[in-house]
Protein backbone atom coordinates (compact mmCIF):
# COMPACT_ATOMS: atom_id res chain seq x y z
CA MET A 1 0.31 0.65 -0.19
CA PRO A 2 2.00 3.55 -0.52
CA PHE A 3 1.61 5.93 1.60
CA PRO A 4 -1.40 8.65 3.18
CA GLU A 5 -1.04 11.50 0.73
CA PRO A 6 -0.59 13.68 4.83
CA ILE A 7 2.42 11.81 5.22
CA LYS A 8 3.67 12.94 1.41
CA ASP A 9 3.28 16.23 1.54
CA GLU A 10 5.13 15.78 4.67
CA ALA A 11 8.49 14.09 3.52
CA LYS A 12 8.92 16.22 0.39
CA ARG A 13 8.11 19.72 3.25
CA LYS A 14 10.76 18.36 5.38
CA ALA A 15 13.05 18.00 2.28
CA ARG A 16 11.86 21.44 1.35
CA TYR A 17 11.10 20.18 -1.84
CA CYS A 18 14.75 19.01 -2.71
CA CYS A 19 15.88 15.50 -3.20
CA VAL A 20 18.28 13.59 0.18
CA TRP A 21 20.28 11.90 -2.24
CA CYS A 22 21.31 14.99 -5.12
CA LYS A 23 19.67 18.43 -2.91
CA GLN A 24 18.64 19.62 -5.62
CA MET A 25 14.79 20.59 -6.40
CA MET A 26 12.98 18.97 -8.02
CA ILE A 27 9.50 18.95 -9.15
CA PRO A 28 7.37 16.49 -8.87
CA ILE A 29 10.04 14.55 -6.17
CA GLU A 30 8.90 11.37 -5.15
CA VAL A 31 8.23 9.43 -1.70
CA HIS A 32 10.30 6.31 -0.53
CA HIS A 33 10.31 3.87 2.00
CA ILE A 34 13.49 3.36 3.46
CA ILE A 35 12.41 -0.15 4.93
CA ARG A 36 10.68 -1.64 1.22
CA GLU A 37 6.63 -2.56 1.65
CA ALA A 38 7.53 -6.09 1.12
CA ASP A 39 10.14 -6.22 4.22
CA ASP A 40 7.01 -4.97 6.51
CA GLY A 41 8.22 -1.20 6.07
CA PRO A 42 5.34 0.68 7.98
CA ASN A 43 3.70 3.71 5.68
CA THR A 44 5.21 5.72 7.97
CA LEU A 45 7.11 9.44 8.17
CA ASP A 46 10.09 7.46 9.36
CA ASN A 47 9.70 5.56 7.09
CA ALA A 48 9.67 8.12 3.91
CA VAL A 49 12.27 9.79 1.93
CA ALA A 50 12.51 12.37 -0.83
CA LEU A 51 13.57 11.86 -3.85
CA CYS A 52 14.06 12.87 -7.36
CA PRO A 53 12.33 10.03 -9.76
CA THR A 54 16.38 9.48 -10.81
CA HIS A 55 17.58 8.85 -7.63
CA HIS A 56 13.67 7.18 -6.94
CA ASN A 57 14.94 4.49 -9.49
CA THR A 58 18.78 4.42 -8.91
CA VAL A 59 17.05 2.92 -5.68
CA TRP A 60 15.30 -0.28 -7.32
CA ALA A 61 18.64 -0.66 -9.49
């Protein structure tokens, strides 16, 4: 299950709409699970990180 919209919004706001990896301000910015959902990672703010689309794809590579 994806993050609820309020969690995604807060994760993006906390990151100042910048990728935490490359620090580039990006619209759209994506929210990624730190602990994967498949590994029982929760859909909480503590498990959310903002990434640009490039680095979001890198995480899954």
